[in-house]
Amino acid sequence: MRQRRCEVRECGATVLVAEVDGKAVALNPTLIDVAVPDEHGALHMVRGYQPHAVTCVDISARLSHRP
């Protein structure tokens, strides 16, 4: 992973850029706890990086990241 500044001028956060499912994704550089379902639907806590689009000041990025 490499670090860079967010491309949104108003944001400017430092992000990690990683390849996820074959495409480059900006991630917040702090590990967080996330609840992830297993194949039976039971939730388990894992540590991971949050996509930066979730927290960026760019509202269009937030909206495009929603399921």
PDB file of N, CA and C in Angstrom:
ATOM      1  N   MET A   1       0.846  -1.171   0.000  1.00  0.00           N
ATOM      2  CA  MET A   1       0.000   0.000   0.000  1.00  0.00           C
ATOM      3  C   MET A   1       0.893   1.235   0.000  1.00  0.00           C
ATOM      4  N   ARG A   2       0.389   2.270  -0.635  1.00  0.00           N
ATOM      5  CA  ARG A   2       1.122   3.524  -0.638  1.00  0.00           C
ATOM      6  C   ARG A   2       0.230   4.604  -0.028  1.00  0.00           C
ATOM      7  N   GLN A   3       0.849   5.677   0.440  1.00  0.00           N
ATOM      8  CA  GLN A   3       0.098   6.795   1.007  1.00  0.00           C
ATOM      9  C   GLN A   3       0.066   7.946   0.017  1.00  0.00           C
ATOM     10  N   ARG A   4      -1.010   8.716   0.063  1.00  0.00           N
ATOM     11  CA  ARG A   4      -1.128   9.948  -0.710  1.00  0.00           C
ATOM     12  C   ARG A   4      -2.185  10.822  -0.054  1.00  0.00           C
ATOM     13  N   ARG A   5      -2.306  12.029  -0.534  1.00  0.00           N
ATOM     14  CA  ARG A   5      -3.351  12.941  -0.070  1.00  0.00           C
ATOM     15  C   ARG A   5      -4.634  12.655  -0.850  1.00  0.00           C
ATOM     16  N   CYS A   6      -5.775  12.849  -0.188  1.00  0.00           N
ATOM     17  CA  CYS A   6      -7.064  12.724  -0.864  1.00  0.00           C
ATOM     18  C   CYS A   6      -7.094  13.740  -2.005  1.00  0.00           C
ATOM     19  N   GLU A   7      -7.646  13.342  -3.126  1.00  0.00           N
ATOM     20  CA  GLU A   7      -7.686  14.204  -4.304  1.00  0.00           C
ATOM     21  C   GLU A   7      -8.690  15.344  -4.179  1.00  0.00           C
ATOM     22  N   VAL A   8      -9.572  15.273  -3.200  1.00  0.00           N
ATOM     23  CA  VAL A   8     -10.554  16.332  -2.985  1.00  0.00           C
ATOM     24  C   VAL A   8      -9.859  17.469  -2.249  1.00  0.00           C
ATOM     25  N   ARG A   9      -9.739  18.616  -2.887  1.00  0.00           N
ATOM     26  CA  ARG A   9      -8.977  19.741  -2.336  1.00  0.00           C
ATOM     27  C   ARG A   9      -9.467  20.131  -0.952  1.00  0.00           C
ATOM     28  N   GLU A  10     -10.771  20.150  -0.729  1.00  0.00           N
ATOM     29  CA  GLU A  10     -11.334  20.554   0.558  1.00  0.00           C
ATOM     30  C   GLU A  10     -11.072  19.531   1.657  1.00  0.00           C
ATOM     31  N   CYS A  11     -10.713  18.316   1.307  1.00  0.00           N
ATOM     32  CA  CYS A  11     -10.467  17.254   2.283  1.00  0.00           C
ATOM     33  C   CYS A  11      -8.987  17.203   2.637  1.00  0.00           C
ATOM     34  N   GLY A  12      -8.171  16.776   1.699  1.00  0.00           N
ATOM     35  CA  GLY A  12      -6.725  16.735   1.908  1.00  0.00           C
ATOM     36  C   GLY A  12      -6.224  15.716   2.911  1.00  0.00           C
ATOM     37  N   ALA A  13      -7.058  14.771   3.309  1.00  0.00           N
ATOM     38  CA  ALA A  13      -6.636  13.753   4.274  1.00  0.00           C
ATOM     39  C   ALA A  13      -5.571  12.845   3.673  1.00  0.00           C
ATOM     40  N   THR A  14      -4.728  12.301   4.525  1.00  0.00           N
ATOM     41  CA  THR A  14      -3.776  11.282   4.092  1.00  0.00           C
ATOM     42  C   THR A  14      -4.504   9.950   4.049  1.00  0.00           C
ATOM     43  N   VAL A  15      -4.412   9.256   2.920  1.00  0.00           N
ATOM     44  CA  VAL A  15      -5.092   7.976   2.747  1.00  0.00           C
ATOM     45  C   VAL A  15      -4.096   6.920   2.293  1.00  0.00           C
ATOM     46  N   LEU A  16      -4.457   5.676   2.501  1.00  0.00           N
ATOM     47  CA  LEU A  16      -3.712   4.550   1.953  1.00  0.00           C
ATOM     48  C   LEU A  16      -4.394   4.153   0.658  1.00  0.00           C
ATOM     49  N   VAL A  17      -3.618   3.826  -0.349  1.00  0.00           N
ATOM     50  CA  VAL A  17      -4.197   3.343  -1.605  1.00  0.00           C
ATOM     51  C   VAL A  17      -3.839   1.875  -1.726  1.00  0.00           C
ATOM     52  N   ALA A  18      -4.874   1.043  -1.823  1.00  0.00           N
ATOM     53  CA  ALA A  18      -4.671  -0.401  -1.903  1.00  0.00           C
ATOM     54  C   ALA A  18      -5.499  -0.951  -3.061  1.00  0.00           C
ATOM     55  N   GLU A  19      -5.075  -2.078  -3.588  1.00  0.00           N
ATOM     56  CA  GLU A  19      -5.852  -2.750  -4.619  1.00  0.00           C
ATOM     57  C   GLU A  19      -6.847  -3.684  -3.931  1.00  0.00           C
ATOM     58  N   VAL A  20      -8.127  -3.460  -4.208  1.00  0.00           N
ATOM     59  CA  VAL A  20      -9.200  -4.273  -3.632  1.00  0.00           C
ATOM     60  C   VAL A  20     -10.058  -4.768  -4.787  1.00  0.00           C
ATOM     61  N   ASP A  21     -10.174  -6.068  -4.935  1.00  0.00           N
ATOM     62  CA  ASP A  21     -10.943  -6.666  -6.037  1.00  0.00           C
ATOM     63  C   ASP A  21     -10.512  -6.103  -7.391  1.00  0.00           C
ATOM     64  N   GLY A  22      -9.202  -5.877  -7.553  1.00  0.00           N
ATOM     65  CA  GLY A  22      -8.664  -5.455  -8.831  1.00  0.00           C
ATOM     66  C   GLY A  22      -8.723  -3.972  -9.126  1.00  0.00           C
ATOM     67  N   LYS A  23      -9.181  -3.153  -8.168  1.00  0.00           N
ATOM     68  CA  LYS A  23      -9.182  -1.717  -8.432  1.00  0.00           C
ATOM     69  C   LYS A  23      -8.598  -0.960  -7.243  1.00  0.00           C
ATOM     70  N   ALA A  24      -8.028   0.211  -7.521  1.00  0.00           N
ATOM     71  CA  ALA A  24      -7.409   1.023  -6.481  1.00  0.00           C
ATOM     72  C   ALA A  24      -8.486   1.667  -5.619  1.00  0.00           C
ATOM     73  N   VAL A  25      -8.329   1.539  -4.301  1.00  0.00           N
ATOM     74  CA  VAL A  25      -9.300   2.088  -3.355  1.00  0.00           C
ATOM     75  C   VAL A  25      -8.542   2.885  -2.306  1.00  0.00           C
ATOM     76  N   ALA A  26      -9.039   4.094  -2.011  1.00  0.00           N
ATOM     77  CA  ALA A  26      -8.463   4.917  -0.947  1.00  0.00           C
ATOM     78  C   ALA A  26      -9.062   4.475   0.385  1.00  0.00           C
ATOM     79  N   LEU A  27      -8.194   4.235   1.370  1.00  0.00           N
ATOM     80  CA  LEU A  27      -8.616   3.760   2.686  1.00  0.00           C
ATOM     81  C   LEU A  27      -8.127   4.717   3.761  1.00  0.00           C
ATOM     82  N   ASN A  28      -8.931   4.890   4.816  1.00  0.00           N
ATOM     83  CA  ASN A  28      -8.457   5.648   5.971  1.00  0.00           C
ATOM     84  C   ASN A  28      -7.350   4.839   6.626  1.00  0.00           C
ATOM     85  N   PRO A  29      -6.259   5.487   7.065  1.00  0.00           N
ATOM     86  CA  PRO A  29      -5.090   4.749   7.548  1.00  0.00           C
ATOM     87  C   PRO A  29      -5.185   4.193   8.972  1.00  0.00           C
ATOM     88  N   THR A  30      -6.347   4.282   9.595  1.00  0.00           N
ATOM     89  CA  THR A  30      -6.511   3.791  10.961  1.00  0.00           C
ATOM     90  C   THR A  30      -7.330   2.504  10.962  1.00  0.00           C
ATOM     91  N   LEU A  31      -6.814   1.467  11.610  1.00  0.00           N
ATOM     92  CA  LEU A  31      -7.576   0.215  11.730  1.00  0.00           C
ATOM     93  C   LEU A  31      -8.787   0.442  12.621  1.00  0.00           C
ATOM     94  N   ILE A  32      -9.927  -0.126  12.221  1.00  0.00           N
ATOM     95  CA  ILE A  32     -11.153  -0.029  13.008  1.00  0.00           C
ATOM     96  C   ILE A  32     -11.760  -1.419  13.165  1.00  0.00           C
ATOM     97  N   ASP A  33     -12.671  -1.566  14.114  1.00  0.00           N
ATOM     98  CA  ASP A  33     -13.429  -2.805  14.279  1.00  0.00           C
ATOM     99  C   ASP A  33     -14.653  -2.745  13.371  1.00  0.00           C
ATOM    100  N   VAL A  34     -14.900  -3.849  12.655  1.00  0.00           N
ATOM    101  CA  VAL A  34     -16.019  -3.936  11.727  1.00  0.00           C
ATOM    102  C   VAL A  34     -16.738  -5.253  11.960  1.00  0.00           C
ATOM    103  N   ALA A  35     -18.063  -5.225  11.973  1.00  0.00           N
ATOM    104  CA  ALA A  35     -18.860  -6.451  12.088  1.00  0.00           C
ATOM    105  C   ALA A  35     -19.078  -7.010  10.683  1.00  0.00           C
ATOM    106  N   VAL A  36     -18.669  -8.266  10.469  1.00  0.00           N
ATOM    107  CA  VAL A  36     -18.757  -8.909   9.154  1.00  0.00           C
ATOM    108  C   VAL A  36     -19.526 -10.216   9.304  1.00  0.00           C
ATOM    109  N   PRO A  37     -20.534 -10.452   8.440  1.00  0.00           N
ATOM    110  CA  PRO A  37     -21.283 -11.707   8.533  1.00  0.00           C
ATOM    111  C   PRO A  37     -20.508 -12.872   7.921  1.00  0.00           C
ATOM    112  N   ASP A  38     -20.671 -14.066   8.514  1.00  0.00           N
ATOM    113  CA  ASP A  38     -20.083 -15.267   7.917  1.00  0.00           C
ATOM    114  C   ASP A  38     -21.112 -15.894   6.980  1.00  0.00           C
ATOM    115  N   GLU A  39     -20.815 -17.065   6.454  1.00  0.00           N
ATOM    116  CA  GLU A  39     -21.707 -17.704   5.484  1.00  0.00           C
ATOM    117  C   GLU A  39     -23.063 -18.097   6.068  1.00  0.00           C
ATOM    118  N   HIS A  40     -23.175 -18.138   7.398  1.00  0.00           N
ATOM    119  CA  HIS A  40     -24.438 -18.485   8.056  1.00  0.00           C
ATOM    120  C   HIS A  40     -25.181 -17.243   8.552  1.00  0.00           C
ATOM    121  N   GLY A  41     -24.618 -16.063   8.320  1.00  0.00           N
ATOM    122  CA  GLY A  41     -25.271 -14.822   8.734  1.00  0.00           C
ATOM    123  C   GLY A  41     -24.895 -14.326  10.119  1.00  0.00           C
ATOM    124  N   ALA A  42     -24.093 -15.109  10.852  1.00  0.00           N
ATOM    125  CA  ALA A  42     -23.654 -14.675  12.174  1.00  0.00           C
ATOM    126  C   ALA A  42     -22.588 -13.585  12.014  1.00  0.00           C
ATOM    127  N   LEU A  43     -22.652 -12.567  12.853  1.00  0.00           N
ATOM    128  CA  LEU A  43     -21.697 -11.471  12.765  1.00  0.00           C
ATOM    129  C   LEU A  43     -20.470 -11.745  13.622  1.00  0.00           C
ATOM    130  N   HIS A  44     -19.314 -11.345  13.097  1.00  0.00           N
ATOM    131  CA  HIS A  44     -18.035 -11.475  13.807  1.00  0.00           C
ATOM    132  C   HIS A  44     -17.286 -10.160  13.679  1.00  0.00           C
ATOM    133  N   MET A  45     -16.581  -9.773  14.725  1.00  0.00           N
ATOM    134  CA  MET A  45     -15.788  -8.553  14.699  1.00  0.00           C
ATOM    135  C   MET A  45     -14.430  -8.850  14.080  1.00  0.00           C
ATOM    136  N   VAL A  46     -14.016  -8.009  13.133  1.00  0.00           N
ATOM    137  CA  VAL A  46     -12.701  -8.095  12.512  1.00  0.00           C
ATOM    138  C   VAL A  46     -12.100  -6.694  12.510  1.00  0.00           C
ATOM    139  N   ARG A  47     -10.775  -6.617  12.370  1.00  0.00           N
ATOM    140  CA  ARG A  47     -10.099  -5.326  12.263  1.00  0.00           C
ATOM    141  C   ARG A  47      -9.823  -5.078  10.789  1.00  0.00           C
ATOM    142  N   GLY A  48     -10.043  -3.851  10.359  1.00  0.00           N
ATOM    143  CA  GLY A  48      -9.805  -3.538   8.961  1.00  0.00           C
ATOM    144  C   GLY A  48      -9.725  -2.043   8.727  1.00  0.00           C
ATOM    145  N   TYR A  49      -9.524  -1.682   7.474  1.00  0.00           N
ATOM    146  CA  TYR A  49      -9.447  -0.289   7.057  1.00  0.00           C
ATOM    147  C   TYR A  49     -10.777   0.132   6.440  1.00  0.00           C
ATOM    148  N   GLN A  50     -11.230   1.311   6.776  1.00  0.00           N
ATOM    149  CA  GLN A  50     -12.485   1.850   6.265  1.00  0.00           C
ATOM    150  C   GLN A  50     -12.237   2.578   4.938  1.00  0.00           C
ATOM    151  N   PRO A  51     -13.087   2.351   3.923  1.00  0.00           N
ATOM    152  CA  PRO A  51     -12.938   3.115   2.693  1.00  0.00           C
ATOM    153  C   PRO A  51     -13.047   4.615   2.981  1.00  0.00           C
ATOM    154  N   HIS A  52     -12.145   5.391   2.419  1.00  0.00           N
ATOM    155  CA  HIS A  52     -12.128   6.826   2.686  1.00  0.00           C
ATOM    156  C   HIS A  52     -13.399   7.518   2.193  1.00  0.00           C
ATOM    157  N   ALA A  53     -14.027   6.991   1.164  1.00  0.00           N
ATOM    158  CA  ALA A  53     -15.247   7.601   0.629  1.00  0.00           C
ATOM    159  C   ALA A  53     -16.333   7.735   1.687  1.00  0.00           C
ATOM    160  N   VAL A  54     -16.286   6.889   2.714  1.00  0.00           N
ATOM    161  CA  VAL A  54     -17.292   6.928   3.779  1.00  0.00           C
ATOM    162  C   VAL A  54     -17.149   8.186   4.634  1.00  0.00           C
ATOM    163  N   THR A  55     -15.947   8.716   4.756  1.00  0.00           N
ATOM    164  CA  THR A  55     -15.704   9.845   5.650  1.00  0.00           C
ATOM    165  C   THR A  55     -15.249  11.117   4.938  1.00  0.00           C
ATOM    166  N   CYS A  56     -15.034  11.075   3.649  1.00  0.00           N
ATOM    167  CA  CYS A  56     -14.535  12.234   2.901  1.00  0.00           C
ATOM    168  C   CYS A  56     -15.582  13.345   2.882  1.00  0.00           C
ATOM    169  N   VAL A  57     -15.126  14.588   2.787  1.00  0.00           N
ATOM    170  CA  VAL A  57     -16.053  15.711   2.699  1.00  0.00           C
ATOM    171  C   VAL A  57     -16.789  15.742   1.362  1.00  0.00           C
ATOM    172  N   ASP A  58     -16.356  14.942   0.394  1.00  0.00           N
ATOM    173  CA  ASP A  58     -16.996  14.874  -0.919  1.00  0.00           C
ATOM    174  C   ASP A  58     -18.288  14.066  -0.803  1.00  0.00           C
ATOM    175  N   ILE A  59     -19.409  14.760  -0.755  1.00  0.00           N
ATOM    176  CA  ILE A  59     -20.703  14.092  -0.571  1.00  0.00           C
ATOM    177  C   ILE A  59     -21.004  13.127  -1.715  1.00  0.00           C
ATOM    178  N   SER A  60     -20.626  13.455  -2.946  1.00  0.00           N
ATOM    179  CA  SER A  60     -20.892  12.543  -4.061  1.00  0.00           C
ATOM    180  C   SER A  60     -20.136  11.230  -3.882  1.00  0.00           C
ATOM    181  N   ALA A  61     -18.920  11.277  -3.292  1.00  0.00           N
ATOM    182  CA  ALA A  61     -18.180  10.047  -3.020  1.00  0.00           C
ATOM    183  C   ALA A  61     -18.897   9.210  -1.975  1.00  0.00           C
ATOM    184  N   ARG A  62     -19.427   9.871  -0.951  1.00  0.00           N
ATOM    185  CA  ARG A  62     -20.181   9.129   0.072  1.00  0.00           C
ATOM    186  C   ARG A  62     -21.392   8.436  -0.537  1.00  0.00           C
ATOM    187  N   LEU A  63     -22.130   9.167  -1.358  1.00  0.00           N
ATOM    188  CA  LEU A  63     -23.329   8.604  -1.955  1.00  0.00           C
ATOM    189  C   LEU A  63     -22.997   7.453  -2.898  1.00  0.00           C
ATOM    190  N   SER A  64     -21.919   7.558  -3.657  1.00  0.00           N
ATOM    191  CA  SER A  64     -21.564   6.490  -4.588  1.00  0.00           C
ATOM    192  C   SER A  64     -21.085   5.233  -3.861  1.00  0.00           C
ATOM    193  N   HIS A  65     -20.650   5.378  -2.616  1.00  0.00           N
ATOM    194  CA  HIS A  65     -20.163   4.240  -1.857  1.00  0.00           C
ATOM    195  C   HIS A  65     -21.292   3.458  -1.181  1.00  0.00           C
ATOM    196  N   ARG A  66     -22.473   4.051  -1.082  1.00  0.00           N
ATOM    197  CA  ARG A  66     -23.596   3.361  -0.444  1.00  0.00           C
ATOM    198  C   ARG A  66     -24.027   2.151  -1.265  1.00  0.00           C
ATOM    199  N   PRO A  67     -24.469   1.088  -0.564  1.00  0.00           N
ATOM    200  CA  PRO A  67     -24.919  -0.111  -1.297  1.00  0.00           C
ATOM    201  C   PRO A  67     -26.223   0.135  -2.045  1.00  0.00           C
TER     202      PRO A  67
END
